[in-house]
Amino acid sequence: RLAAEKRLADARAAVEAEREAYRGKASQLAEAKGLWQRVLGDMREELDATAAERETQAQEAEAARREAAELRGKLSDAERREAAVGNKAAAAEARAAELLSRLEAAEAESAGLRAKAADAEAR
């Protein structure tokens, strides 16, 4: 009977030691799980921050594309206005050349008439 009680006590001690070992392992696993949850939480925050940053960059890029398109439109308008002004300037230069030619012709005619008048006076 004493031997049986001793075996029972040894068995209980072995079971208790095994329980303690499992509790230790469970505690370690719980700590590891907590650590991984913190790591995953940090990674999730980083990914969220990166996604938000990329979204902001995408919005800024879209705004820049719209601004560039608007500026291209303004440049096209300015080029059209410049061409129109150039056409008007060319027309004005042509008109000025025509008027200058008429003025020179009138001056030549006037000089001819003055010469005739001087000739007539001399006679």
Foldseek 3Di string as FASTA:
>chain_A
DVVVVVVVVVVVVVVVVVVVVVVVVVVVVVVVVVVVVVVVVVVVVVVVVVVVVVVVVVVVVVVVVVVVVVVVVVVVVVVVVVVVVVVVVVVVVVVVVVVVVVVVVVVVVVVVVVVVVVVVVVD
